[in-house]
Amino acid sequence: MDSIEHRMVTVNGINMHVAEKGKGGPVVLFLHGFPETWYAWRHQILASGALGYHAVAPDLRGYGDTDAPPSAASYSCFHAVGDLIGLIDLLGVEQVFLVAHDWGALIGWYLCLFRPDRVKAFVCLTVPFRPRHPKMKPVETMRAYFGDDYYICRFQEHGAIEAEIANYDTAQVLKKILTDRKPGPPCLPKGSPFGKTTDAPLPLPSWILEDDVKHFAQNFEKKGFTGGLNYYRALDLNWELTAAWTGAQVKVPVKFVVGDLDMTYTTPGVKEYVHNGGFKKDVPLLEDVVVMEGVGHFINQERAEEINAHIHDFIKKF
């Protein structure tokens, strides 16, 4: 880990923290999800750097040591993509290989949709492309299908879920999220969204250490969760802003990798979209879909070596 370098850069009007390894080779840009930081990519940064790539993993706006504007309106897809274009420009390259997970994957899809000229190829983990429905806003649609306790619905009211999180130890919240393997749409019951506060500490699986959880927890204790939650609060704003892209295809070469126990993959309708032609229609350069058995949502940490191989096997073709 000592070989990973860190620096602060200014992009799109914010200060962004970047972790990186390797210089001079093709850039592999890693985008983390919620609730994580650059550290989620620790295994991939080391592996890619060792193979001669320039691995770059920022803390996205709202996370870690990157600035966190207070308003949810500052977390639109255009802000997030603007940050990344600023970073790619600062790196001095025309194109990057993109690797992204969870919310990072959503932002990655927007980057490919808006600026396909800057992405050579995209390895997408866990979250497939989500085409814009011309008549249905995302949050009201999710509420209708999955109810008020659906996690994205619970994240909408500013300060509400933060107040509930404050009743828990930060590490306990992160352990619950990182180790949850319950299939289907995740729900957070009011009053006990992450279990009882008196519950015994969750045992950790072999793929994540107490020190790893501590690293994430220290960042969220310092920064709070609001920045990460604000991306969810901007979902309907993204829908409003992207009307001009209704029906648009993503024209970047893509490899999609997901675990069969992933909460996104096991949400009703997702498997059908991925495997029955919808995904390929929206992403015509989709080259491969890999479903890994016995693995959950945080796939790049749980099966690090396999994900490293999937990344390298795909990007080395370009």
C-alpha atoms as a PDB file:
ATOM      1  CA  MET A   1       0.000   0.000   0.000  1.00  0.00           C
ATOM      2  CA  ASP A   2       2.965   2.307   0.582  1.00  0.00           C
ATOM      3  CA  SER A   3       3.632   2.284  -3.168  1.00  0.00           C
ATOM      4  CA  ILE A   4       0.308   4.041  -3.868  1.00  0.00           C
ATOM      5  CA  GLU A   5       0.824   7.789  -4.249  1.00  0.00           C
ATOM      6  CA  HIS A   6      -1.661  10.467  -3.225  1.00  0.00           C
ATOM      7  CA  ARG A   7      -2.212  14.027  -4.366  1.00  0.00           C
ATOM      8  CA  MET A   8      -4.827  16.763  -4.415  1.00  0.00           C
ATOM      9  CA  VAL A   9      -5.923  18.237  -7.734  1.00  0.00           C
ATOM     10  CA  THR A  10      -8.373  20.976  -8.678  1.00  0.00           C
ATOM     11  CA  VAL A  11     -11.049  19.932 -11.174  1.00  0.00           C
ATOM     12  CA  ASN A  12     -14.372  21.511 -12.099  1.00  0.00           C
ATOM     13  CA  GLY A  13     -14.151  23.989  -9.220  1.00  0.00           C
ATOM     14  CA  ILE A  14     -13.523  21.429  -6.457  1.00  0.00           C
ATOM     15  CA  ASN A  15     -10.474  19.960  -4.761  1.00  0.00           C
ATOM     16  CA  MET A  16     -10.227  16.230  -5.474  1.00  0.00           C
ATOM     17  CA  HIS A  17      -8.082  13.609  -3.781  1.00  0.00           C
ATOM     18  CA  VAL A  18      -6.531  11.051  -6.123  1.00  0.00           C
ATOM     19  CA  ALA A  19      -4.717   7.795  -5.373  1.00  0.00           C
ATOM     20  CA  GLU A  20      -2.483   6.466  -8.147  1.00  0.00           C
ATOM     21  CA  LYS A  21       0.247   4.021  -9.056  1.00  0.00           C
ATOM     22  CA  GLY A  22       2.357   3.737 -12.198  1.00  0.00           C
ATOM     23  CA  LYS A  23       3.313   6.491 -14.580  1.00  0.00           C
ATOM     24  CA  GLY A  24       3.599   6.665 -18.343  1.00  0.00           C
ATOM     25  CA  GLY A  25       1.357   3.725 -19.214  1.00  0.00           C
ATOM     26  CA  PRO A  26      -2.271   3.824 -20.366  1.00  0.00           C
ATOM     27  CA  VAL A  27      -4.563   5.314 -17.719  1.00  0.00           C
ATOM     28  CA  VAL A  28      -7.058   3.060 -15.951  1.00  0.00           C
ATOM     29  CA  LEU A  29      -9.591   5.226 -14.133  1.00  0.00           C
ATOM     30  CA  PHE A  30     -11.340   3.560 -11.185  1.00  0.00           C
ATOM     31  CA  LEU A  31     -14.651   4.937  -9.835  1.00  0.00           C
ATOM     32  CA  HIS A  32     -15.847   3.749  -6.419  1.00  0.00           C
ATOM     33  CA  GLY A  33     -19.395   3.459  -5.117  1.00  0.00           C
ATOM     34  CA  PHE A  34     -21.359   4.010  -1.888  1.00  0.00           C
ATOM     35  CA  PRO A  35     -20.278   3.897   0.904  1.00  0.00           C
ATOM     36  CA  GLU A  36     -16.628   3.728  -0.097  1.00  0.00           C
ATOM     37  CA  THR A  37     -13.586   5.771  -1.158  1.00  0.00           C
ATOM     38  CA  TRP A  38     -10.596   5.223  -3.451  1.00  0.00           C
ATOM     39  CA  TYR A  39      -9.564   2.492  -0.980  1.00  0.00           C
ATOM     40  CA  ALA A  40     -12.179   0.124  -2.417  1.00  0.00           C
ATOM     41  CA  TRP A  41      -9.821  -0.252  -5.401  1.00  0.00           C
ATOM     42  CA  ARG A  42      -6.655  -0.983  -3.386  1.00  0.00           C
ATOM     43  CA  HIS A  43      -6.215  -4.448  -4.919  1.00  0.00           C
ATOM     44  CA  GLN A  44      -6.865  -3.241  -8.473  1.00  0.00           C
ATOM     45  CA  ILE A  45      -4.577  -0.211  -8.175  1.00  0.00           C
ATOM     46  CA  LEU A  46      -1.661  -2.429  -7.162  1.00  0.00           C
ATOM     47  CA  ALA A  47      -2.396  -5.031  -9.841  1.00  0.00           C
ATOM     48  CA  SER A  48      -2.850  -2.541 -12.686  1.00  0.00           C
ATOM     49  CA  GLY A  49       0.192  -0.521 -11.666  1.00  0.00           C
ATOM     50  CA  ALA A  50       2.302  -3.685 -11.629  1.00  0.00           C
ATOM     51  CA  LEU A  51       1.171  -4.481 -15.190  1.00  0.00           C
ATOM     52  CA  GLY A  52       2.447  -1.142 -16.490  1.00  0.00           C
ATOM     53  CA  TYR A  53      -0.784   0.853 -16.421  1.00  0.00           C
ATOM     54  CA  HIS A  54      -1.251   4.208 -14.734  1.00  0.00           C
ATOM     55  CA  ALA A  55      -3.954   3.363 -12.168  1.00  0.00           C
ATOM     56  CA  VAL A  56      -5.931   6.388 -10.972  1.00  0.00           C
ATOM     57  CA  ALA A  57      -8.627   6.204  -8.285  1.00  0.00           C
ATOM     58  CA  PRO A  58     -10.197   9.450  -7.085  1.00  0.00           C
ATOM     59  CA  ASP A  59     -12.391  10.024  -4.083  1.00  0.00           C
ATOM     60  CA  LEU A  60     -15.545  11.168  -5.892  1.00  0.00           C
ATOM     61  CA  ARG A  61     -17.073  14.496  -4.862  1.00  0.00           C
ATOM     62  CA  GLY A  62     -18.637  14.144  -1.414  1.00  0.00           C
ATOM     63  CA  TYR A  63     -16.266  11.377  -0.305  1.00  0.00           C
ATOM     64  CA  GLY A  64     -12.960  11.010   1.521  1.00  0.00           C
ATOM     65  CA  ASP A  65     -10.598  13.944   1.110  1.00  0.00           C
ATOM     66  CA  THR A  66     -12.435  15.420  -1.906  1.00  0.00           C
ATOM     67  CA  ASP A  67     -14.643  18.469  -1.407  1.00  0.00           C
ATOM     68  CA  ALA A  68     -18.276  17.836  -0.458  1.00  0.00           C
ATOM     69  CA  PRO A  69     -20.630  20.613  -1.602  1.00  0.00           C
ATOM     70  CA  PRO A  70     -23.620  20.716   0.773  1.00  0.00           C
ATOM     71  CA  SER A  71     -26.457  20.853  -1.769  1.00  0.00           C
ATOM     72  CA  ALA A  72     -27.808  17.707  -3.434  1.00  0.00           C
ATOM     73  CA  ALA A  73     -28.162  19.787  -6.611  1.00  0.00           C
ATOM     74  CA  SER A  74     -24.340  19.775  -6.805  1.00  0.00           C
ATOM     75  CA  TYR A  75     -24.301  15.999  -7.308  1.00  0.00           C
ATOM     76  CA  SER A  76     -25.957  15.737 -10.720  1.00  0.00           C
ATOM     77  CA  CYS A  77     -24.575  13.526 -13.451  1.00  0.00           C
ATOM     78  CA  PHE A  78     -23.187  16.625 -15.147  1.00  0.00           C
ATOM     79  CA  HIS A  79     -21.239  17.667 -12.044  1.00  0.00           C
ATOM     80  CA  ALA A  80     -19.829  14.153 -11.638  1.00  0.00           C
ATOM     81  CA  VAL A  81     -18.893  13.763 -15.309  1.00  0.00           C
ATOM     82  CA  GLY A  82     -17.479  17.296 -15.318  1.00  0.00           C
ATOM     83  CA  ASP A  83     -15.180  16.310 -12.461  1.00  0.00           C
ATOM     84  CA  LEU A  84     -13.948  13.302 -14.421  1.00  0.00           C
ATOM     85  CA  ILE A  85     -13.356  15.205 -17.658  1.00  0.00           C
ATOM     86  CA  GLY A  86     -11.359  17.733 -15.637  1.00  0.00           C
ATOM     87  CA  LEU A  87      -9.322  14.895 -14.148  1.00  0.00           C
ATOM     88  CA  ILE A  88      -8.713  13.201 -17.516  1.00  0.00           C
ATOM     89  CA  ASP A  89      -7.603  16.544 -18.965  1.00  0.00           C
ATOM     90  CA  LEU A  90      -5.285  17.096 -16.006  1.00  0.00           C
ATOM     91  CA  LEU A  91      -3.756  13.645 -16.560  1.00  0.00           C
ATOM     92  CA  GLY A  92      -2.873  14.796 -20.071  1.00  0.00           C
ATOM     93  CA  VAL A  93      -4.478  11.916 -21.961  1.00  0.00           C
ATOM     94  CA  GLU A  94      -7.178  11.776 -24.617  1.00  0.00           C
ATOM     95  CA  GLN A  95      -8.746   8.512 -23.468  1.00  0.00           C
ATOM     96  CA  VAL A  96      -8.855   6.261 -20.419  1.00  0.00           C
ATOM     97  CA  PHE A  97      -9.820   2.710 -19.660  1.00  0.00           C
ATOM     98  CA  LEU A  98     -12.747   2.998 -17.263  1.00  0.00           C
ATOM     99  CA  VAL A  99     -13.465   0.573 -14.404  1.00  0.00           C
ATOM    100  CA  ALA A 100     -16.385   1.372 -12.125  1.00  0.00           C
ATOM    101  CA  HIS A 101     -18.602  -0.132  -9.426  1.00  0.00           C
ATOM    102  CA  ASP A 102     -21.972   0.741  -7.849  1.00  0.00           C
ATOM    103  CA  TRP A 103     -22.529   4.545  -7.980  1.00  0.00           C
ATOM    104  CA  GLY A 104     -19.227   4.820  -9.773  1.00  0.00           C
ATOM    105  CA  ALA A 105     -20.743   2.583 -12.460  1.00  0.00           C
ATOM    106  CA  LEU A 106     -23.765   4.880 -12.819  1.00  0.00           C
ATOM    107  CA  ILE A 107     -21.433   7.843 -13.220  1.00  0.00           C
ATOM    108  CA  GLY A 108     -19.361   5.754 -15.624  1.00  0.00           C
ATOM    109  CA  TRP A 109     -22.400   5.139 -17.815  1.00  0.00           C
ATOM    110  CA  TYR A 110     -23.058   8.879 -17.937  1.00  0.00           C
ATOM    111  CA  LEU A 111     -19.407   9.516 -18.860  1.00  0.00           C
ATOM    112  CA  CYS A 112     -19.705   7.005 -21.717  1.00  0.00           C
ATOM    113  CA  LEU A 113     -23.040   8.471 -22.806  1.00  0.00           C
ATOM    114  CA  PHE A 114     -21.914  12.113 -22.760  1.00  0.00           C
ATOM    115  CA  ARG A 115     -18.247  11.770 -23.766  1.00  0.00           C
ATOM    116  CA  PRO A 116     -17.592   8.430 -25.478  1.00  0.00           C
ATOM    117  CA  ASP A 117     -14.581  10.043 -27.135  1.00  0.00           C
ATOM    118  CA  ARG A 118     -12.743   9.990 -23.777  1.00  0.00           C
ATOM    119  CA  VAL A 119     -13.310   6.291 -22.914  1.00  0.00           C
ATOM    120  CA  LYS A 120     -11.389   3.544 -24.713  1.00  0.00           C
ATOM    121  CA  ALA A 121     -13.274   0.687 -23.022  1.00  0.00           C
ATOM    122  CA  PHE A 122     -15.401   0.224 -19.899  1.00  0.00           C
ATOM    123  CA  VAL A 123     -15.302  -2.645 -17.390  1.00  0.00           C
ATOM    124  CA  CYS A 124     -18.547  -2.185 -15.466  1.00  0.00           C
ATOM    125  CA  LEU A 125     -19.108  -3.956 -12.166  1.00  0.00           C
ATOM    126  CA  THR A 126     -22.553  -4.688 -10.662  1.00  0.00           C
ATOM    127  CA  VAL A 127     -24.767  -1.914 -12.115  1.00  0.00           C
ATOM    128  CA  PRO A 128     -25.906  -2.215 -15.747  1.00  0.00           C
ATOM    129  CA  PHE A 129     -26.906   0.731 -17.896  1.00  0.00           C
ATOM    130  CA  ARG A 130     -30.278   2.200 -16.939  1.00  0.00           C
ATOM    131  CA  PRO A 131     -32.105   3.746 -19.880  1.00  0.00           C
ATOM    132  CA  ARG A 132     -34.135   6.849 -19.132  1.00  0.00           C
ATOM    133  CA  HIS A 133     -37.883   6.235 -19.020  1.00  0.00           C
ATOM    134  CA  PRO A 134     -39.522   9.193 -20.791  1.00  0.00           C
ATOM    135  CA  LYS A 135     -42.562   9.366 -18.490  1.00  0.00           C
ATOM    136  CA  MET A 136     -41.533   7.966 -15.106  1.00  0.00           C
ATOM    137  CA  LYS A 137     -39.250   9.698 -12.606  1.00  0.00           C
ATOM    138  CA  PRO A 138     -36.927   7.226 -10.911  1.00  0.00           C
ATOM    139  CA  VAL A 139     -37.745   7.802  -7.232  1.00  0.00           C
ATOM    140  CA  GLU A 140     -41.544   7.685  -7.565  1.00  0.00           C
ATOM    141  CA  THR A 141     -41.171   4.589  -9.744  1.00  0.00           C
ATOM    142  CA  MET A 142     -39.016   2.851  -7.125  1.00  0.00           C
ATOM    143  CA  ARG A 143     -41.432   3.857  -4.381  1.00  0.00           C
ATOM    144  CA  ALA A 144     -44.343   2.379  -6.348  1.00  0.00           C
ATOM    145  CA  TYR A 145     -42.524  -0.899  -6.984  1.00  0.00           C
ATOM    146  CA  PHE A 146     -40.598  -1.429  -3.745  1.00  0.00           C
ATOM    147  CA  GLY A 147     -42.287   0.714  -1.074  1.00  0.00           C
ATOM    148  CA  ASP A 148     -41.251   3.559   1.212  1.00  0.00           C
ATOM    149  CA  ASP A 149     -38.611   1.473   3.007  1.00  0.00           C
ATOM    150  CA  TYR A 150     -36.664   0.788  -0.194  1.00  0.00           C
ATOM    151  CA  TYR A 151     -33.203   2.122   0.546  1.00  0.00           C
ATOM    152  CA  ILE A 152     -33.160   4.749  -2.223  1.00  0.00           C
ATOM    153  CA  CYS A 153     -36.514   6.108  -1.036  1.00  0.00           C
ATOM    154  CA  ARG A 154     -35.232   6.199   2.545  1.00  0.00           C
ATOM    155  CA  PHE A 155     -32.207   8.228   1.399  1.00  0.00           C
ATOM    156  CA  GLN A 156     -34.262  11.045  -0.148  1.00  0.00           C
ATOM    157  CA  GLU A 157     -35.074  13.305   2.822  1.00  0.00           C
ATOM    158  CA  HIS A 158     -32.054  15.413   3.671  1.00  0.00           C
ATOM    159  CA  GLY A 159     -30.796  14.638   7.161  1.00  0.00           C
ATOM    160  CA  ALA A 160     -33.297  11.881   7.971  1.00  0.00           C
ATOM    161  CA  ILE A 161     -31.208   8.777   7.342  1.00  0.00           C
ATOM    162  CA  GLU A 162     -28.125  10.634   8.620  1.00  0.00           C
ATOM    163  CA  ALA A 163     -29.903  11.069  11.962  1.00  0.00           C
ATOM    164  CA  GLU A 164     -30.652   7.344  12.111  1.00  0.00           C
ATOM    165  CA  ILE A 165     -27.070   6.449  11.143  1.00  0.00           C
ATOM    166  CA  ALA A 166     -25.861   8.644  14.021  1.00  0.00           C
ATOM    167  CA  ASN A 167     -27.434   6.171  16.459  1.00  0.00           C
ATOM    168  CA  TYR A 168     -24.955   3.514  15.342  1.00  0.00           C
ATOM    169  CA  ASP A 169     -21.239   3.062  15.426  1.00  0.00           C
ATOM    170  CA  THR A 170     -20.002   4.015  11.941  1.00  0.00           C
ATOM    171  CA  ALA A 171     -18.086   0.762  11.566  1.00  0.00           C
ATOM    172  CA  GLN A 172     -21.265  -1.187  12.410  1.00  0.00           C
ATOM    173  CA  VAL A 173     -23.162   0.547   9.582  1.00  0.00           C
ATOM    174  CA  LEU A 174     -20.375  -0.111   7.106  1.00  0.00           C
ATOM    175  CA  LYS A 175     -20.070  -3.766   8.113  1.00  0.00           C
ATOM    176  CA  LYS A 176     -23.806  -4.244   7.647  1.00  0.00           C
ATOM    177  CA  ILE A 177     -23.721  -2.723   4.152  1.00  0.00           C
ATOM    178  CA  LEU A 178     -20.474  -4.380   3.024  1.00  0.00           C
ATOM    179  CA  THR A 179     -21.378  -7.891   4.192  1.00  0.00           C
ATOM    180  CA  ASP A 180     -25.115  -7.972   3.375  1.00  0.00           C
ATOM    181  CA  ARG A 181     -25.954 -10.833   1.017  1.00  0.00           C
ATOM    182  CA  LYS A 182     -29.729 -10.724   1.198  1.00  0.00           C
ATOM    183  CA  PRO A 183     -31.044 -10.932  -2.395  1.00  0.00           C
ATOM    184  CA  GLY A 184     -33.569  -8.551  -3.883  1.00  0.00           C
ATOM    185  CA  PRO A 185     -34.298  -4.876  -3.318  1.00  0.00           C
ATOM    186  CA  PRO A 186     -32.678  -3.712  -0.048  1.00  0.00           C
ATOM    187  CA  CYS A 187     -35.070  -2.191   2.487  1.00  0.00           C
ATOM    188  CA  LEU A 188     -34.209  -0.158   5.598  1.00  0.00           C
ATOM    189  CA  PRO A 189     -37.019  -0.234   8.197  1.00  0.00           C
ATOM    190  CA  LYS A 190     -37.485   3.036  10.058  1.00  0.00           C
ATOM    191  CA  GLY A 191     -36.032   2.997  13.528  1.00  0.00           C
ATOM    192  CA  SER A 192     -33.658   0.111  12.866  1.00  0.00           C
ATOM    193  CA  PRO A 193     -32.272   0.466   9.330  1.00  0.00           C
ATOM    194  CA  PHE A 194     -29.039  -1.359  10.143  1.00  0.00           C
ATOM    195  CA  GLY A 195     -30.269  -3.735  12.833  1.00  0.00           C
ATOM    196  CA  LYS A 196     -30.575  -3.069  16.548  1.00  0.00           C
ATOM    197  CA  THR A 197     -27.971  -0.751  18.003  1.00  0.00           C
ATOM    198  CA  THR A 198     -27.396  -3.365  20.707  1.00  0.00           C
ATOM    199  CA  ASP A 199     -26.616  -6.139  18.207  1.00  0.00           C
ATOM    200  CA  ALA A 200     -23.277  -7.857  18.604  1.00  0.00           C
ATOM    201  CA  PRO A 201     -20.612  -6.743  16.121  1.00  0.00           C
ATOM    202  CA  LEU A 202     -20.935  -8.502  12.787  1.00  0.00           C
ATOM    203  CA  PRO A 203     -18.235 -11.057  11.992  1.00  0.00           C
ATOM    204  CA  LEU A 204     -16.269 -10.164   8.890  1.00  0.00           C
ATOM    205  CA  PRO A 205     -15.766 -12.469   5.902  1.00  0.00           C
ATOM    206  CA  SER A 206     -12.202 -13.333   4.930  1.00  0.00           C
ATOM    207  CA  TRP A 207     -12.067 -10.802   2.083  1.00  0.00           C
ATOM    208  CA  ILE A 208     -12.246  -7.709   4.290  1.00  0.00           C
ATOM    209  CA  LEU A 209     -10.218  -6.980   7.414  1.00  0.00           C
ATOM    210  CA  GLU A 210     -11.042  -4.925  10.488  1.00  0.00           C
ATOM    211  CA  ASP A 211      -8.344  -2.491   9.343  1.00  0.00           C
ATOM    212  CA  ASP A 212     -10.148  -2.085   6.002  1.00  0.00           C
ATOM    213  CA  VAL A 213     -13.423  -1.258   7.751  1.00  0.00           C
ATOM    214  CA  LYS A 214     -11.531   1.113  10.050  1.00  0.00           C
ATOM    215  CA  HIS A 215     -10.099   2.918   7.009  1.00  0.00           C
ATOM    216  CA  PHE A 216     -13.565   3.475   5.548  1.00  0.00           C
ATOM    217  CA  ALA A 217     -15.058   4.345   8.955  1.00  0.00           C
ATOM    218  CA  GLN A 218     -12.465   7.024   9.667  1.00  0.00           C
ATOM    219  CA  ASN A 219     -13.322   8.723   6.387  1.00  0.00           C
ATOM    220  CA  PHE A 220     -17.069   8.718   7.082  1.00  0.00           C
ATOM    221  CA  GLU A 221     -16.609   9.797  10.702  1.00  0.00           C
ATOM    222  CA  LYS A 222     -14.671  12.783   9.408  1.00  0.00           C
ATOM    223  CA  LYS A 223     -16.849  13.586   6.401  1.00  0.00           C
ATOM    224  CA  GLY A 224     -20.274  12.197   7.234  1.00  0.00           C
ATOM    225  CA  PHE A 225     -22.518  10.320   4.826  1.00  0.00           C
ATOM    226  CA  THR A 226     -24.362  13.301   3.305  1.00  0.00           C
ATOM    227  CA  GLY A 227     -22.076  13.682   0.285  1.00  0.00           C
ATOM    228  CA  GLY A 228     -22.564  10.082  -0.788  1.00  0.00           C
ATOM    229  CA  LEU A 229     -26.294  10.217  -0.077  1.00  0.00           C
ATOM    230  CA  ASN A 230     -26.659  13.353  -2.185  1.00  0.00           C
ATOM    231  CA  TYR A 231     -26.104  11.316  -5.357  1.00  0.00           C
ATOM    232  CA  TYR A 232     -29.319   9.431  -4.562  1.00  0.00           C
ATOM    233  CA  ARG A 233     -31.066  12.747  -3.864  1.00  0.00           C
ATOM    234  CA  ALA A 234     -30.106  13.952  -7.348  1.00  0.00           C
ATOM    235  CA  LEU A 235     -31.659  10.962  -9.168  1.00  0.00           C
ATOM    236  CA  ASP A 236     -34.816  12.821 -10.175  1.00  0.00           C
ATOM    237  CA  LEU A 237     -32.740  15.884 -11.091  1.00  0.00           C
ATOM    238  CA  ASN A 238     -30.661  13.672 -13.410  1.00  0.00           C
ATOM    239  CA  TRP A 239     -33.884  12.440 -15.005  1.00  0.00           C
ATOM    240  CA  GLU A 240     -34.960  16.027 -15.676  1.00  0.00           C
ATOM    241  CA  LEU A 241     -31.567  17.073 -17.044  1.00  0.00           C
ATOM    242  CA  THR A 242     -31.101  14.122 -19.396  1.00  0.00           C
ATOM    243  CA  ALA A 243     -34.337  14.324 -21.392  1.00  0.00           C
ATOM    244  CA  ALA A 244     -32.307  14.997 -24.532  1.00  0.00           C
ATOM    245  CA  TRP A 245     -30.620  11.583 -24.150  1.00  0.00           C
ATOM    246  CA  THR A 246     -33.856   9.573 -24.024  1.00  0.00           C
ATOM    247  CA  GLY A 247     -33.324   6.525 -26.231  1.00  0.00           C
ATOM    248  CA  ALA A 248     -29.622   7.260 -26.760  1.00  0.00           C
ATOM    249  CA  GLN A 249     -27.233   4.317 -26.957  1.00  0.00           C
ATOM    250  CA  VAL A 250     -23.893   3.954 -25.199  1.00  0.00           C
ATOM    251  CA  LYS A 251     -21.305   3.401 -27.909  1.00  0.00           C
ATOM    252  CA  VAL A 252     -18.242   2.311 -25.947  1.00  0.00           C
ATOM    253  CA  PRO A 253     -16.887  -1.272 -25.748  1.00  0.00           C
ATOM    254  CA  VAL A 254     -18.143  -2.757 -22.467  1.00  0.00           C
ATOM    255  CA  LYS A 255     -17.574  -5.810 -20.305  1.00  0.00           C
ATOM    256  CA  PHE A 256     -20.120  -6.279 -17.503  1.00  0.00           C
ATOM    257  CA  VAL A 257     -19.328  -8.343 -14.413  1.00  0.00           C
ATOM    258  CA  VAL A 258     -21.767  -9.053 -11.568  1.00  0.00           C
ATOM    259  CA  GLY A 259     -22.183 -11.533  -8.721  1.00  0.00           C
ATOM    260  CA  ASP A 260     -25.180 -13.861  -8.656  1.00  0.00           C
ATOM    261  CA  LEU A 261     -25.904 -12.772  -5.055  1.00  0.00           C
ATOM    262  CA  ASP A 262     -25.687  -9.061  -5.842  1.00  0.00           C
ATOM    263  CA  MET A 263     -28.609  -7.011  -4.495  1.00  0.00           C
ATOM    264  CA  THR A 264     -28.805  -5.043  -7.763  1.00  0.00           C
ATOM    265  CA  TYR A 265     -28.707  -8.115 -10.000  1.00  0.00           C
ATOM    266  CA  THR A 266     -31.371  -9.882  -7.902  1.00  0.00           C
ATOM    267  CA  THR A 267     -33.725  -6.873  -7.934  1.00  0.00           C
ATOM    268  CA  PRO A 268     -36.815  -7.728 -10.047  1.00  0.00           C
ATOM    269  CA  GLY A 269     -36.385  -6.912 -13.738  1.00  0.00           C
ATOM    270  CA  VAL A 270     -32.599  -6.571 -13.765  1.00  0.00           C
ATOM    271  CA  LYS A 271     -31.696 -10.118 -14.849  1.00  0.00           C
ATOM    272  CA  GLU A 272     -34.280  -9.933 -17.628  1.00  0.00           C
ATOM    273  CA  TYR A 273     -32.841  -6.637 -18.872  1.00  0.00           C
ATOM    274  CA  VAL A 274     -29.257  -7.927 -18.746  1.00  0.00           C
ATOM    275  CA  HIS A 275     -29.867 -11.288 -20.451  1.00  0.00           C
ATOM    276  CA  ASN A 276     -32.919 -10.876 -22.705  1.00  0.00           C
ATOM    277  CA  GLY A 277     -31.611  -8.313 -25.179  1.00  0.00           C
ATOM    278  CA  GLY A 278     -32.458  -4.967 -23.557  1.00  0.00           C
ATOM    279  CA  PHE A 279     -28.923  -4.321 -22.311  1.00  0.00           C
ATOM    280  CA  LYS A 280     -27.346  -5.198 -25.677  1.00  0.00           C
ATOM    281  CA  LYS A 281     -29.850  -2.975 -27.488  1.00  0.00           C
ATOM    282  CA  ASP A 282     -28.914   0.034 -25.352  1.00  0.00           C
ATOM    283  CA  VAL A 283     -25.196  -0.805 -25.327  1.00  0.00           C
ATOM    284  CA  PRO A 284     -24.501  -2.257 -28.802  1.00  0.00           C
ATOM    285  CA  LEU A 285     -20.767  -2.658 -28.114  1.00  0.00           C
ATOM    286  CA  LEU A 286     -21.434  -4.812 -25.042  1.00  0.00           C
ATOM    287  CA  GLU A 287     -18.910  -7.606 -25.604  1.00  0.00           C
ATOM    288  CA  ASP A 288     -19.257  -9.794 -22.527  1.00  0.00           C
ATOM    289  CA  VAL A 289     -21.519 -10.403 -19.527  1.00  0.00           C
ATOM    290  CA  VAL A 290     -19.960 -12.381 -16.682  1.00  0.00           C
ATOM    291  CA  VAL A 291     -22.033 -13.629 -13.741  1.00  0.00           C
ATOM    292  CA  MET A 292     -19.762 -14.821 -10.948  1.00  0.00           C
ATOM    293  CA  GLU A 293     -21.176 -17.495  -8.652  1.00  0.00           C
ATOM    294  CA  GLY A 294     -21.419 -17.113  -4.884  1.00  0.00           C
ATOM    295  CA  VAL A 295     -20.371 -13.470  -4.772  1.00  0.00           C
ATOM    296  CA  GLY A 296     -22.202 -10.390  -3.508  1.00  0.00           C
ATOM    297  CA  HIS A 297     -22.211  -6.692  -4.334  1.00  0.00           C
ATOM    298  CA  PHE A 298     -18.707  -5.594  -3.338  1.00  0.00           C
ATOM    299  CA  ILE A 299     -17.211  -7.818  -5.979  1.00  0.00           C
ATOM    300  CA  ASN A 300     -13.903  -6.011  -6.547  1.00  0.00           C
ATOM    301  CA  GLN A 301     -13.001  -6.536  -2.890  1.00  0.00           C
ATOM    302  CA  GLU A 302     -14.571  -9.981  -2.406  1.00  0.00           C
ATOM    303  CA  ARG A 303     -13.005 -11.557  -5.499  1.00  0.00           C
ATOM    304  CA  ALA A 304     -10.094  -9.189  -6.079  1.00  0.00           C
ATOM    305  CA  GLU A 305      -7.824 -11.490  -8.078  1.00  0.00           C
ATOM    306  CA  GLU A 306     -10.584 -12.655 -10.404  1.00  0.00           C
ATOM    307  CA  ILE A 307     -11.710  -9.068 -11.009  1.00  0.00           C
ATOM    308  CA  ASN A 308      -8.111  -8.034 -11.675  1.00  0.00           C
ATOM    309  CA  ALA A 309      -7.942 -10.757 -14.340  1.00  0.00           C
ATOM    310  CA  HIS A 310     -11.283  -9.735 -15.886  1.00  0.00           C
ATOM    311  CA  ILE A 311     -10.102  -6.141 -16.136  1.00  0.00           C
ATOM    312  CA  HIS A 312      -6.744  -6.942 -17.697  1.00  0.00           C
ATOM    313  CA  ASP A 313      -8.130  -9.579 -20.081  1.00  0.00           C
ATOM    314  CA  PHE A 314     -10.547  -7.022 -21.511  1.00  0.00           C
ATOM    315  CA  ILE A 315      -8.502  -3.840 -21.700  1.00  0.00           C
ATOM    316  CA  LYS A 316      -5.415  -5.531 -23.167  1.00  0.00           C
ATOM    317  CA  LYS A 317      -7.405  -6.036 -26.396  1.00  0.00           C
ATOM    318  CA  PHE A 318      -7.494  -2.293 -27.122  1.00  0.00           C
END
